[in-house]
Amino acid sequence: MDWLHIHRGDAPLVVSIPHAGTEISPDLEPRLVSPWLARKDADWWMERLYDFAGGLGATVVHTGVSRTVIDVNRDPSGVSLYPGQATTGLCPTDTFDGEPLYLDGQEPTEAEIAVRRERFFDPYHAALRGELDRLRGLHGKVVLYDAHSIRSRAPRLFDGELPQFNVGTNSGASCAPALTAAVEAACDATGLPRVTDGRFKGGWITRHYGRPDTGVHAVQMELACRGYIDEPPALTPDSWPTPYHPPRAAPLREALTDVLKACLAFAQA
């Protein structure tokens, strides 16, 4: 499966990158309003931002498939993770801004969604489960760190400007309080704004795998994109995505290194 990328390490840490993919099959593109729109909400450059994780001994799992094809961080039953709030589904039909992704009558059918789930969703989660089980065999406890980013302003999803660091623990259910505190401390040391269990409490990955009583502690990190790329005032095919910006990203990478080291220290304690 050339779309599924796994870097194996032996440290008690799995980094999941579920939304950085941009691959869309050629047969699907004619059904879309535009390929650019279908890639607009990707978590841009996450695999580059976190390319240091393997050097810490972490296992990294990420998919190259666009979330427009299937979102591996949504409940496969179709139940909303944020009832009453705007969100996107297992096979999204609109963008974060409410723009339709598909031409009229071209939305995926239930049968097609089932095929996409079998082809992409299930293997991604089989990989995550396999790596967590492998590492649980080596360590007393393991941290699953789900890595995300989103532009700083998305009015349909949240008001105003998003904090730089958005930590999600499913309201404390997905990990021990000590892990939450360690991640918060690493974020707060930067002096940049941070919130825990605010608009983003953790997606299906965090909620499904985070079982502290079994030794698996899951935490989601949603970053505001401004920490590592320039954000244009308006998103157009000519302005978005902006290139990865190494000088801008450098301080954030240092902070994220401290965050992952905090996760490792918790797991190894």
C-alpha atoms as a PDB file:
ATOM      1  CA  MET A   1       0.000   0.000   0.000  1.00  0.00           C
ATOM      2  CA  ASP A   2       2.007   2.940  -1.281  1.00  0.00           C
ATOM      3  CA  TRP A   3      -0.384   5.441   0.355  1.00  0.00           C
ATOM      4  CA  LEU A   4       0.221   4.151   3.887  1.00  0.00           C
ATOM      5  CA  HIS A   5       3.523   5.226   5.412  1.00  0.00           C
ATOM      6  CA  ILE A   6       4.908   3.663   8.582  1.00  0.00           C
ATOM      7  CA  HIS A   7       8.205   4.470  10.257  1.00  0.00           C
ATOM      8  CA  ARG A   8       8.788   2.046  13.120  1.00  0.00           C
ATOM      9  CA  GLY A   9      10.619   2.947  16.285  1.00  0.00           C
ATOM     10  CA  ASP A  10      10.852   1.192  19.634  1.00  0.00           C
ATOM     11  CA  ALA A  11      10.118   4.113  21.959  1.00  0.00           C
ATOM     12  CA  PRO A  12       6.680   4.122  23.658  1.00  0.00           C
ATOM     13  CA  LEU A  13       5.275   6.782  21.317  1.00  0.00           C
ATOM     14  CA  VAL A  14       3.157   6.592  18.161  1.00  0.00           C
ATOM     15  CA  VAL A  15       2.659   9.757  16.115  1.00  0.00           C
ATOM     16  CA  SER A  16      -0.411   9.592  13.873  1.00  0.00           C
ATOM     17  CA  ILE A  17      -0.717  12.027  10.951  1.00  0.00           C
ATOM     18  CA  PRO A  18      -4.163  11.375   9.458  1.00  0.00           C
ATOM     19  CA  HIS A  19      -4.901  14.545   7.472  1.00  0.00           C
ATOM     20  CA  ALA A  20      -1.733  15.538   5.604  1.00  0.00           C
ATOM     21  CA  GLY A  21      -2.540  13.426   2.541  1.00  0.00           C
ATOM     22  CA  THR A  22      -3.415  15.001  -0.806  1.00  0.00           C
ATOM     23  CA  GLU A  23      -3.789  11.951  -3.065  1.00  0.00           C
ATOM     24  CA  ILE A  24      -7.052  11.765  -5.031  1.00  0.00           C
ATOM     25  CA  SER A  25      -7.568   9.125  -7.711  1.00  0.00           C
ATOM     26  CA  PRO A  26      -7.891  10.402 -11.300  1.00  0.00           C
ATOM     27  CA  ASP A  27     -11.311   8.766 -11.669  1.00  0.00           C
ATOM     28  CA  LEU A  28     -12.659  10.788  -8.721  1.00  0.00           C
ATOM     29  CA  GLU A  29     -11.372  14.205  -9.794  1.00  0.00           C
ATOM     30  CA  PRO A  30     -13.965  14.772 -12.585  1.00  0.00           C
ATOM     31  CA  ARG A  31     -16.743  14.435 -10.002  1.00  0.00           C
ATOM     32  CA  LEU A  32     -15.312  17.211  -7.823  1.00  0.00           C
ATOM     33  CA  VAL A  33     -16.015  20.924  -8.036  1.00  0.00           C
ATOM     34  CA  SER A  34     -12.235  21.352  -8.210  1.00  0.00           C
ATOM     35  CA  PRO A  35      -9.166  19.365  -7.140  1.00  0.00           C
ATOM     36  CA  TRP A  36      -7.875  22.447  -5.327  1.00  0.00           C
ATOM     37  CA  LEU A  37     -11.023  22.732  -3.248  1.00  0.00           C
ATOM     38  CA  ALA A  38     -10.781  19.035  -2.423  1.00  0.00           C
ATOM     39  CA  ARG A  39      -7.276  19.565  -1.006  1.00  0.00           C
ATOM     40  CA  LYS A  40      -7.914  22.930   0.620  1.00  0.00           C
ATOM     41  CA  ASP A  41      -8.473  21.559   4.142  1.00  0.00           C
ATOM     42  CA  ALA A  42      -5.449  19.263   4.285  1.00  0.00           C
ATOM     43  CA  ASP A  43      -3.190  19.530   7.338  1.00  0.00           C
ATOM     44  CA  TRP A  44      -0.444  20.974   5.168  1.00  0.00           C
ATOM     45  CA  TRP A  45       3.194  19.912   5.643  1.00  0.00           C
ATOM     46  CA  MET A  46       2.596  17.944   8.839  1.00  0.00           C
ATOM     47  CA  GLU A  47       4.944  15.140   7.796  1.00  0.00           C
ATOM     48  CA  ARG A  48       7.707  17.741   7.303  1.00  0.00           C
ATOM     49  CA  LEU A  49       6.962  19.640  10.498  1.00  0.00           C
ATOM     50  CA  TYR A  50       7.274  16.413  12.509  1.00  0.00           C
ATOM     51  CA  ASP A  51      10.108  14.817  10.537  1.00  0.00           C
ATOM     52  CA  PHE A  52      12.209  14.857  13.722  1.00  0.00           C
ATOM     53  CA  ALA A  53       9.905  12.379  15.486  1.00  0.00           C
ATOM     54  CA  GLY A  54      11.630   9.288  14.135  1.00  0.00           C
ATOM     55  CA  GLY A  55      14.903  10.530  15.595  1.00  0.00           C
ATOM     56  CA  LEU A  56      13.286  10.385  19.040  1.00  0.00           C
ATOM     57  CA  GLY A  57      12.491   6.712  18.517  1.00  0.00           C
ATOM     58  CA  ALA A  58       8.817   7.340  17.784  1.00  0.00           C
ATOM     59  CA  THR A  59       6.735   5.267  15.404  1.00  0.00           C
ATOM     60  CA  VAL A  60       5.058   7.470  12.780  1.00  0.00           C
ATOM     61  CA  VAL A  61       1.945   6.435  10.839  1.00  0.00           C
ATOM     62  CA  HIS A  62       0.493   8.673   8.155  1.00  0.00           C
ATOM     63  CA  THR A  63      -1.712   8.395   5.105  1.00  0.00           C
ATOM     64  CA  GLY A  64      -1.091   9.994   1.736  1.00  0.00           C
ATOM     65  CA  VAL A  65      -4.803   9.857   0.866  1.00  0.00           C
ATOM     66  CA  SER A  66      -6.773  13.104   0.954  1.00  0.00           C
ATOM     67  CA  ARG A  67      -9.373  13.487   3.689  1.00  0.00           C
ATOM     68  CA  THR A  68     -11.862  14.245   0.889  1.00  0.00           C
ATOM     69  CA  VAL A  69     -11.604  10.593  -0.155  1.00  0.00           C
ATOM     70  CA  ILE A  70     -12.088   9.400   3.418  1.00  0.00           C
ATOM     71  CA  ASP A  71     -11.358  10.944   6.794  1.00  0.00           C
ATOM     72  CA  VAL A  72      -9.629   8.358   8.974  1.00  0.00           C
ATOM     73  CA  ASN A  73     -10.225  10.552  12.040  1.00  0.00           C
ATOM     74  CA  ARG A  74     -14.021  10.322  11.945  1.00  0.00           C
ATOM     75  CA  ASP A  75     -16.338   7.814  13.590  1.00  0.00           C
ATOM     76  CA  PRO A  76     -16.916   5.150  10.907  1.00  0.00           C
ATOM     77  CA  SER A  77     -20.550   4.873  12.000  1.00  0.00           C
ATOM     78  CA  GLY A  78     -21.117   8.448  10.832  1.00  0.00           C
ATOM     79  CA  VAL A  79     -21.931   9.793  14.306  1.00  0.00           C
ATOM     80  CA  SER A  80     -20.806  13.419  14.711  1.00  0.00           C
ATOM     81  CA  LEU A  81     -17.874  14.033  17.033  1.00  0.00           C
ATOM     82  CA  TYR A  82     -19.191  17.513  17.796  1.00  0.00           C
ATOM     83  CA  PRO A  83     -23.006  17.370  17.969  1.00  0.00           C
ATOM     84  CA  GLY A  84     -24.597  20.725  17.238  1.00  0.00           C
ATOM     85  CA  GLN A  85     -21.406  22.184  15.783  1.00  0.00           C
ATOM     86  CA  ALA A  86     -20.250  22.404  12.173  1.00  0.00           C
ATOM     87  CA  THR A  87     -17.921  19.576  11.207  1.00  0.00           C
ATOM     88  CA  THR A  88     -17.112  17.314   8.276  1.00  0.00           C
ATOM     89  CA  GLY A  89     -17.991  13.652   7.955  1.00  0.00           C
ATOM     90  CA  LEU A  90     -16.383  10.314   7.156  1.00  0.00           C
ATOM     91  CA  CYS A  91     -16.457  11.093   3.429  1.00  0.00           C
ATOM     92  CA  PRO A  92     -16.848  14.886   3.438  1.00  0.00           C
ATOM     93  CA  THR A  93     -19.171  16.553   0.945  1.00  0.00           C
ATOM     94  CA  ASP A  94     -18.246  20.123   1.882  1.00  0.00           C
ATOM     95  CA  THR A  95     -15.222  22.103   3.033  1.00  0.00           C
ATOM     96  CA  PHE A  96     -14.610  23.738   6.410  1.00  0.00           C
ATOM     97  CA  ASP A  97     -16.181  26.849   4.893  1.00  0.00           C
ATOM     98  CA  GLY A  98     -19.304  24.981   3.731  1.00  0.00           C
ATOM     99  CA  GLU A  99     -18.384  24.919   0.031  1.00  0.00           C
ATOM    100  CA  PRO A 100     -19.629  21.803  -1.817  1.00  0.00           C
ATOM    101  CA  LEU A 101     -16.868  19.411  -2.807  1.00  0.00           C
ATOM    102  CA  TYR A 102     -18.846  17.438  -5.393  1.00  0.00           C
ATOM    103  CA  LEU A 103     -20.762  18.404  -8.482  1.00  0.00           C
ATOM    104  CA  ASP A 104     -24.514  17.940  -8.179  1.00  0.00           C
ATOM    105  CA  GLY A 105     -25.426  14.272  -8.064  1.00  0.00           C
ATOM    106  CA  GLN A 106     -21.803  13.120  -7.768  1.00  0.00           C
ATOM    107  CA  GLU A 107     -21.624  12.697  -4.000  1.00  0.00           C
ATOM    108  CA  PRO A 108     -20.422   9.280  -2.780  1.00  0.00           C
ATOM    109  CA  THR A 109     -23.102   6.650  -2.231  1.00  0.00           C
ATOM    110  CA  GLU A 110     -23.283   4.452   0.850  1.00  0.00           C
ATOM    111  CA  ALA A 111     -21.840   1.586  -1.197  1.00  0.00           C
ATOM    112  CA  GLU A 112     -18.944   3.736  -2.336  1.00  0.00           C
ATOM    113  CA  ILE A 113     -18.262   4.901   1.208  1.00  0.00           C
ATOM    114  CA  ALA A 114     -18.124   1.254   2.303  1.00  0.00           C
ATOM    115  CA  VAL A 115     -15.528   0.532  -0.392  1.00  0.00           C
ATOM    116  CA  ARG A 116     -13.411   3.517   0.635  1.00  0.00           C
ATOM    117  CA  ARG A 117     -13.614   2.442   4.245  1.00  0.00           C
ATOM    118  CA  GLU A 118     -12.403  -1.068   3.412  1.00  0.00           C
ATOM    119  CA  ARG A 119      -9.634   0.196   1.144  1.00  0.00           C
ATOM    120  CA  PHE A 120      -8.274   3.089   3.208  1.00  0.00           C
ATOM    121  CA  PHE A 121      -9.883   3.538   6.634  1.00  0.00           C
ATOM    122  CA  ASP A 122      -9.558  -0.036   7.871  1.00  0.00           C
ATOM    123  CA  PRO A 123      -5.884  -0.482   6.861  1.00  0.00           C
ATOM    124  CA  TYR A 124      -4.905   2.798   8.517  1.00  0.00           C
ATOM    125  CA  HIS A 125      -6.467   1.719  11.771  1.00  0.00           C
ATOM    126  CA  ALA A 126      -5.091  -1.798  11.485  1.00  0.00           C
ATOM    127  CA  ALA A 127      -1.646  -0.176  11.234  1.00  0.00           C
ATOM    128  CA  LEU A 128      -2.274   2.046  14.262  1.00  0.00           C
ATOM    129  CA  ARG A 129      -3.602  -0.842  16.324  1.00  0.00           C
ATOM    130  CA  GLY A 130      -0.739  -3.083  15.262  1.00  0.00           C
ATOM    131  CA  GLU A 131       1.907  -0.531  16.241  1.00  0.00           C
ATOM    132  CA  LEU A 132       0.233   0.220  19.568  1.00  0.00           C
ATOM    133  CA  ASP A 133       0.019  -3.489  20.366  1.00  0.00           C
ATOM    134  CA  ARG A 134       3.656  -4.012  19.360  1.00  0.00           C
ATOM    135  CA  LEU A 135       4.858  -1.222  21.597  1.00  0.00           C
ATOM    136  CA  ARG A 136       2.599  -2.256  24.470  1.00  0.00           C
ATOM    137  CA  GLY A 137       4.484  -5.541  24.325  1.00  0.00           C
ATOM    138  CA  LEU A 138       7.715  -3.637  24.943  1.00  0.00           C
ATOM    139  CA  HIS A 139       6.571  -1.015  27.435  1.00  0.00           C
ATOM    140  CA  GLY A 140       4.168  -0.657  30.332  1.00  0.00           C
ATOM    141  CA  LYS A 141       2.360   2.219  28.680  1.00  0.00           C
ATOM    142  CA  VAL A 142       2.330   3.962  25.320  1.00  0.00           C
ATOM    143  CA  VAL A 143       1.366   7.455  24.152  1.00  0.00           C
ATOM    144  CA  LEU A 144      -0.570   7.960  20.929  1.00  0.00           C
ATOM    145  CA  TYR A 145      -0.037  11.519  19.700  1.00  0.00           C
ATOM    146  CA  ASP A 146      -2.432  12.576  16.939  1.00  0.00           C
ATOM    147  CA  ALA A 147      -0.907  15.441  14.937  1.00  0.00           C
ATOM    148  CA  HIS A 148      -3.086  18.025  13.193  1.00  0.00           C
ATOM    149  CA  SER A 149      -3.109  21.598  11.936  1.00  0.00           C
ATOM    150  CA  ILE A 150      -5.695  24.030  10.642  1.00  0.00           C
ATOM    151  CA  ARG A 151      -5.634  27.618   9.492  1.00  0.00           C
ATOM    152  CA  SER A 152      -5.888  30.189  12.250  1.00  0.00           C
ATOM    153  CA  ARG A 153      -9.298  31.454  11.171  1.00  0.00           C
ATOM    154  CA  ALA A 154     -12.186  29.285  10.002  1.00  0.00           C
ATOM    155  CA  PRO A 155     -15.363  31.191  10.952  1.00  0.00           C
ATOM    156  CA  ARG A 156     -17.725  28.300  10.275  1.00  0.00           C
ATOM    157  CA  LEU A 157     -15.843  26.141  12.778  1.00  0.00           C
ATOM    158  CA  PHE A 158     -14.786  28.584  15.486  1.00  0.00           C
ATOM    159  CA  ASP A 159     -14.866  32.271  16.411  1.00  0.00           C
ATOM    160  CA  GLY A 160     -11.854  34.542  16.099  1.00  0.00           C
ATOM    161  CA  GLU A 161      -8.258  33.343  15.937  1.00  0.00           C
ATOM    162  CA  LEU A 162      -7.393  29.861  17.116  1.00  0.00           C
ATOM    163  CA  PRO A 163      -4.730  29.511  19.840  1.00  0.00           C
ATOM    164  CA  GLN A 164      -1.379  28.229  18.590  1.00  0.00           C
ATOM    165  CA  PHE A 165      -1.669  25.000  20.590  1.00  0.00           C
ATOM    166  CA  ASN A 166      -4.978  23.143  20.930  1.00  0.00           C
ATOM    167  CA  VAL A 167      -4.622  20.072  23.127  1.00  0.00           C
ATOM    168  CA  GLY A 168      -7.401  17.477  22.989  1.00  0.00           C
ATOM    169  CA  THR A 169      -7.931  14.755  25.581  1.00  0.00           C
ATOM    170  CA  ASN A 170     -11.648  14.030  25.148  1.00  0.00           C
ATOM    171  CA  SER A 171     -12.293  16.094  28.275  1.00  0.00           C
ATOM    172  CA  GLY A 172      -9.675  14.133  30.201  1.00  0.00           C
ATOM    173  CA  ALA A 173     -10.919  10.664  29.267  1.00  0.00           C
ATOM    174  CA  SER A 174      -8.224   9.703  26.735  1.00  0.00           C
ATOM    175  CA  CYS A 175      -5.099  10.040  28.895  1.00  0.00           C
ATOM    176  CA  ALA A 176      -3.829  10.427  32.444  1.00  0.00           C
ATOM    177  CA  PRO A 177      -3.858  13.930  33.955  1.00  0.00           C
ATOM    178  CA  ALA A 178      -0.063  13.761  34.274  1.00  0.00           C
ATOM    179  CA  LEU A 179       0.328  13.485  30.501  1.00  0.00           C
ATOM    180  CA  THR A 180      -2.028  16.402  29.918  1.00  0.00           C
ATOM    181  CA  ALA A 181      -0.069  18.511  32.403  1.00  0.00           C
ATOM    182  CA  ALA A 182       3.265  17.607  30.784  1.00  0.00           C
ATOM    183  CA  VAL A 183       2.050  18.531  27.297  1.00  0.00           C
ATOM    184  CA  GLU A 184       0.519  21.763  28.580  1.00  0.00           C
ATOM    185  CA  ALA A 185       3.746  22.735  30.323  1.00  0.00           C
ATOM    186  CA  ALA A 186       5.787  22.227  27.140  1.00  0.00           C
ATOM    187  CA  CYS A 187       3.336  24.377  25.191  1.00  0.00           C
ATOM    188  CA  ASP A 188       3.092  27.083  27.837  1.00  0.00           C
ATOM    189  CA  ALA A 189       6.881  27.423  28.018  1.00  0.00           C
ATOM    190  CA  THR A 190       6.737  29.054  24.576  1.00  0.00           C
ATOM    191  CA  GLY A 191       4.548  31.921  25.794  1.00  0.00           C
ATOM    192  CA  LEU A 192       2.173  31.265  22.892  1.00  0.00           C
ATOM    193  CA  PRO A 193      -1.573  30.806  23.466  1.00  0.00           C
ATOM    194  CA  ARG A 194      -2.744  27.309  24.364  1.00  0.00           C
ATOM    195  CA  VAL A 195      -6.104  25.770  25.209  1.00  0.00           C
ATOM    196  CA  THR A 196      -6.995  22.263  26.343  1.00  0.00           C
ATOM    197  CA  ASP A 197     -10.251  20.633  25.287  1.00  0.00           C
ATOM    198  CA  GLY A 198     -11.506  23.812  23.670  1.00  0.00           C
ATOM    199  CA  ARG A 199     -13.011  23.686  20.191  1.00  0.00           C
ATOM    200  CA  PHE A 200     -10.935  20.573  19.418  1.00  0.00           C
ATOM    201  CA  LYS A 201     -11.257  17.892  22.078  1.00  0.00           C
ATOM    202  CA  GLY A 202      -9.754  15.099  19.998  1.00  0.00           C
ATOM    203  CA  GLY A 203     -11.149  13.263  16.996  1.00  0.00           C
ATOM    204  CA  TRP A 204     -12.103   9.632  16.635  1.00  0.00           C
ATOM    205  CA  ILE A 205      -8.488   8.458  16.850  1.00  0.00           C
ATOM    206  CA  THR A 206      -7.961  10.078  20.237  1.00  0.00           C
ATOM    207  CA  ARG A 207     -11.333   8.972  21.547  1.00  0.00           C
ATOM    208  CA  HIS A 208     -11.168   5.427  20.185  1.00  0.00           C
ATOM    209  CA  TYR A 209      -7.638   4.474  21.220  1.00  0.00           C
ATOM    210  CA  GLY A 210      -7.216   6.525  24.386  1.00  0.00           C
ATOM    211  CA  ARG A 211      -7.752   3.931  27.110  1.00  0.00           C
ATOM    212  CA  PRO A 212      -5.557   4.849  30.076  1.00  0.00           C
ATOM    213  CA  ASP A 213      -6.694   1.775  31.992  1.00  0.00           C
ATOM    214  CA  THR A 214      -5.121  -0.429  29.296  1.00  0.00           C
ATOM    215  CA  GLY A 215      -1.887   1.551  29.123  1.00  0.00           C
ATOM    216  CA  VAL A 216      -2.666   3.533  25.954  1.00  0.00           C
ATOM    217  CA  HIS A 217      -2.801   7.285  26.531  1.00  0.00           C
ATOM    218  CA  ALA A 218      -3.956   9.389  23.566  1.00  0.00           C
ATOM    219  CA  VAL A 219      -3.683  13.125  23.016  1.00  0.00           C
ATOM    220  CA  GLN A 220      -4.481  15.264  19.995  1.00  0.00           C
ATOM    221  CA  MET A 221      -2.513  18.365  19.040  1.00  0.00           C
ATOM    222  CA  GLU A 222      -4.237  20.799  16.702  1.00  0.00           C
ATOM    223  CA  LEU A 223      -1.836  23.539  15.630  1.00  0.00           C
ATOM    224  CA  ALA A 224      -2.705  26.877  14.100  1.00  0.00           C
ATOM    225  CA  CYS A 225      -0.919  26.963  10.739  1.00  0.00           C
ATOM    226  CA  ARG A 226       0.587  30.388  11.384  1.00  0.00           C
ATOM    227  CA  GLY A 227       3.233  28.717  13.519  1.00  0.00           C
ATOM    228  CA  TYR A 228       5.001  27.256  10.501  1.00  0.00           C
ATOM    229  CA  ILE A 229       3.664  28.861   7.300  1.00  0.00           C
ATOM    230  CA  ASP A 230       2.429  32.243   6.149  1.00  0.00           C
ATOM    231  CA  GLU A 231      -1.364  32.469   6.051  1.00  0.00           C
ATOM    232  CA  PRO A 232      -2.797  34.619   3.252  1.00  0.00           C
ATOM    233  CA  PRO A 233      -5.765  36.903   3.967  1.00  0.00           C
ATOM    234  CA  ALA A 234      -7.854  34.970   1.429  1.00  0.00           C
ATOM    235  CA  LEU A 235      -7.525  31.376   0.276  1.00  0.00           C
ATOM    236  CA  THR A 236      -7.424  30.991  -3.503  1.00  0.00           C
ATOM    237  CA  PRO A 237      -5.805  28.477  -5.854  1.00  0.00           C
ATOM    238  CA  ASP A 238      -3.011  31.019  -6.345  1.00  0.00           C
ATOM    239  CA  SER A 239      -2.441  31.751  -2.648  1.00  0.00           C
ATOM    240  CA  TRP A 240      -3.022  28.417  -0.852  1.00  0.00           C
ATOM    241  CA  PRO A 241      -1.291  26.380   0.315  1.00  0.00           C
ATOM    242  CA  THR A 242       1.715  28.546   1.015  1.00  0.00           C
ATOM    243  CA  PRO A 243       5.128  26.824   1.036  1.00  0.00           C
ATOM    244  CA  TYR A 244       6.590  25.306   4.158  1.00  0.00           C
ATOM    245  CA  HIS A 245       8.530  28.106   5.898  1.00  0.00           C
ATOM    246  CA  PRO A 246      11.599  26.672   7.716  1.00  0.00           C
ATOM    247  CA  PRO A 247      12.595  29.861   9.600  1.00  0.00           C
ATOM    248  CA  ARG A 248       9.025  30.370  10.816  1.00  0.00           C
ATOM    249  CA  ALA A 249       8.703  26.694  11.691  1.00  0.00           C
ATOM    250  CA  ALA A 250      11.985  26.419  13.622  1.00  0.00           C
ATOM    251  CA  PRO A 251      10.702  27.704  17.015  1.00  0.00           C
ATOM    252  CA  LEU A 252       7.555  25.623  16.700  1.00  0.00           C
ATOM    253  CA  ARG A 253       9.604  22.499  15.916  1.00  0.00           C
ATOM    254  CA  GLU A 254      11.635  23.122  19.065  1.00  0.00           C
ATOM    255  CA  ALA A 255       8.438  23.372  21.084  1.00  0.00           C
ATOM    256  CA  LEU A 256       6.997  20.236  19.493  1.00  0.00           C
ATOM    257  CA  THR A 257      10.235  18.387  20.192  1.00  0.00           C
ATOM    258  CA  ASP A 258       9.759  19.282  23.854  1.00  0.00           C
ATOM    259  CA  VAL A 259       6.135  18.133  23.655  1.00  0.00           C
ATOM    260  CA  LEU A 260       7.090  14.734  22.259  1.00  0.00           C
ATOM    261  CA  LYS A 261       9.917  14.406  24.777  1.00  0.00           C
ATOM    262  CA  ALA A 262       7.368  15.115  27.511  1.00  0.00           C
ATOM    263  CA  CYS A 263       5.186  12.332  26.116  1.00  0.00           C
ATOM    264  CA  LEU A 264       8.145   9.965  26.156  1.00  0.00           C
ATOM    265  CA  ALA A 265       9.113  10.930  29.717  1.00  0.00           C
ATOM    266  CA  PHE A 266       5.552  10.246  30.856  1.00  0.00           C
ATOM    267  CA  ALA A 267       5.473   6.846  29.137  1.00  0.00           C
ATOM    268  CA  GLN A 268       8.875   5.851  30.487  1.00  0.00           C
ATOM    269  CA  ALA A 269       8.239   7.005  34.061  1.00  0.00           C
END
